Amino acid sequence: MSTIAAALAATPSPSPSVVPDVDVTPGVVGFIAIALVAIVTILLVVDMTRRIRRTRYRAEVRERLEAEANGTATDEPERRAAEGSRADVGDDTERG
């Protein structure tokens, strides 16, 4: 047992070494990679929003066409637009 204790006491403990920042940081290549991921993500979100909006508009048009074919067409889109514009005007005049 004493030989193990003597061996452990004789081996020096490693001193903390300072690692240069160049070996730790991702540098220019890492920045470019993250920038590309961010740009691709933004483009995908814009494309997804555009596709969802397009699908919603197609569904609205399909519903209108079906309503017209059934003879149950209403003026709901025009009514919504009129109510929306009146609310906007009312809000602007009340602030002043």
Protein backbone atom coordinates (compact mmCIF):
# COMPACT_ATOMS: atom_id res chain seq x y z
CA MET A 1 0.00 0.00 0.00
CA SER A 2 2.81 2.33 0.75
CA THR A 3 4.18 1.93 -2.78
CA ILE A 4 0.85 3.07 -4.24
CA ALA A 5 0.77 6.08 -1.92
CA ALA A 6 4.37 6.90 -2.81
CA ALA A 7 3.59 6.60 -6.53
CA LEU A 8 0.56 8.89 -6.23
CA ALA A 9 2.50 11.42 -4.23
CA ALA A 10 5.38 11.36 -6.72
CA THR A 11 3.23 12.00 -9.83
CA PRO A 12 2.66 15.68 -10.30
CA SER A 13 -0.91 16.82 -10.81
CA PRO A 14 -1.49 18.44 -14.18
CA SER A 15 -1.41 22.18 -14.04
CA PRO A 16 -4.33 23.97 -15.66
CA SER A 17 -3.31 24.94 -19.14
CA VAL A 18 -4.69 27.92 -20.98
CA VAL A 19 -6.32 27.03 -24.29
CA PRO A 20 -6.01 29.71 -26.98
CA ASP A 21 -9.31 31.32 -28.01
CA VAL A 22 -8.68 30.35 -31.63
CA ASP A 23 -9.03 26.68 -30.72
CA VAL A 24 -12.32 27.25 -28.87
CA THR A 25 -14.33 29.75 -30.95
CA PRO A 26 -16.06 28.73 -34.17
CA GLY A 27 -14.60 31.68 -36.04
CA VAL A 28 -15.74 32.95 -39.41
CA VAL A 29 -16.84 29.54 -40.66
CA GLY A 30 -19.16 29.07 -37.69
CA PHE A 31 -20.62 32.55 -38.12
CA ILE A 32 -21.31 31.91 -41.81
CA ALA A 33 -22.94 28.56 -41.03
CA ILE A 34 -25.25 30.06 -38.39
CA ALA A 35 -26.08 33.02 -40.66
CA LEU A 36 -27.05 30.62 -43.46
CA VAL A 37 -29.26 28.61 -41.09
CA ALA A 38 -30.97 31.84 -39.96
CA ILE A 39 -31.55 33.02 -43.54
CA VAL A 40 -32.94 29.65 -44.63
CA THR A 41 -35.25 29.60 -41.59
CA ILE A 42 -36.59 33.07 -42.38
CA LEU A 43 -37.19 32.12 -46.02
CA LEU A 44 -39.01 28.94 -44.97
CA VAL A 45 -41.27 30.86 -42.58
CA VAL A 46 -42.13 33.41 -45.30
CA ASP A 47 -42.87 30.63 -47.78
CA MET A 48 -45.00 28.74 -45.26
CA THR A 49 -47.00 31.89 -44.48
CA ARG A 50 -47.58 32.50 -48.17
CA ARG A 51 -48.77 28.92 -48.72
CA ILE A 52 -51.12 29.02 -45.73
CA ARG A 53 -52.60 32.31 -46.90
CA ARG A 54 -53.06 30.94 -50.42
CA THR A 55 -54.81 27.84 -49.07
CA ARG A 56 -57.13 29.97 -46.93
CA TYR A 57 -58.07 32.17 -49.91
CA ARG A 58 -58.76 29.12 -52.08
CA ALA A 59 -61.04 27.70 -49.38
CA GLU A 60 -62.95 31.00 -49.17
CA VAL A 61 -63.39 31.12 -52.94
CA ARG A 62 -64.51 27.49 -53.00
CA GLU A 63 -67.09 28.20 -50.27
CA ARG A 64 -68.43 31.21 -52.19
CA LEU A 65 -68.70 29.22 -55.40
CA GLU A 66 -70.51 26.39 -53.62
CA ALA A 67 -72.85 28.89 -51.97
CA GLU A 68 -73.60 30.50 -55.33
CA ALA A 69 -74.22 27.10 -56.90
CA ASN A 70 -76.64 26.20 -54.08
CA GLY A 71 -78.38 29.57 -54.30
CA THR A 72 -77.52 30.50 -50.72
CA ALA A 73 -75.03 33.23 -51.51
CA THR A 74 -74.77 36.02 -48.95
CA ASP A 75 -73.02 39.35 -48.94
CA GLU A 76 -70.93 38.41 -45.90
CA PRO A 77 -67.52 39.46 -47.34
CA GLU A 78 -68.90 42.87 -48.30
CA ARG A 79 -70.53 43.24 -44.87
CA ARG A 80 -67.27 42.33 -43.12
CA ALA A 81 -65.36 44.88 -45.17
CA ALA A 82 -67.91 47.59 -44.42
CA GLU A 83 -67.87 46.86 -40.68
CA GLY A 84 -64.09 46.79 -40.63
CA SER A 85 -63.75 50.11 -42.39
CA ARG A 86 -66.32 51.78 -40.11
CA ALA A 87 -64.51 50.52 -37.02
CA ASP A 88 -61.22 51.91 -38.30
CA VAL A 89 -62.72 55.33 -38.98
CA GLY A 90 -64.42 55.39 -35.58
CA ASP A 91 -61.19 54.51 -33.80
CA ASP A 92 -59.24 57.23 -35.59
CA THR A 93 -61.80 59.97 -34.90
CA GLU A 94 -62.19 59.07 -31.22
CA ARG A 95 -58.47 59.42 -30.55
CA GLY A 96 -58.31 63.01 -31.69
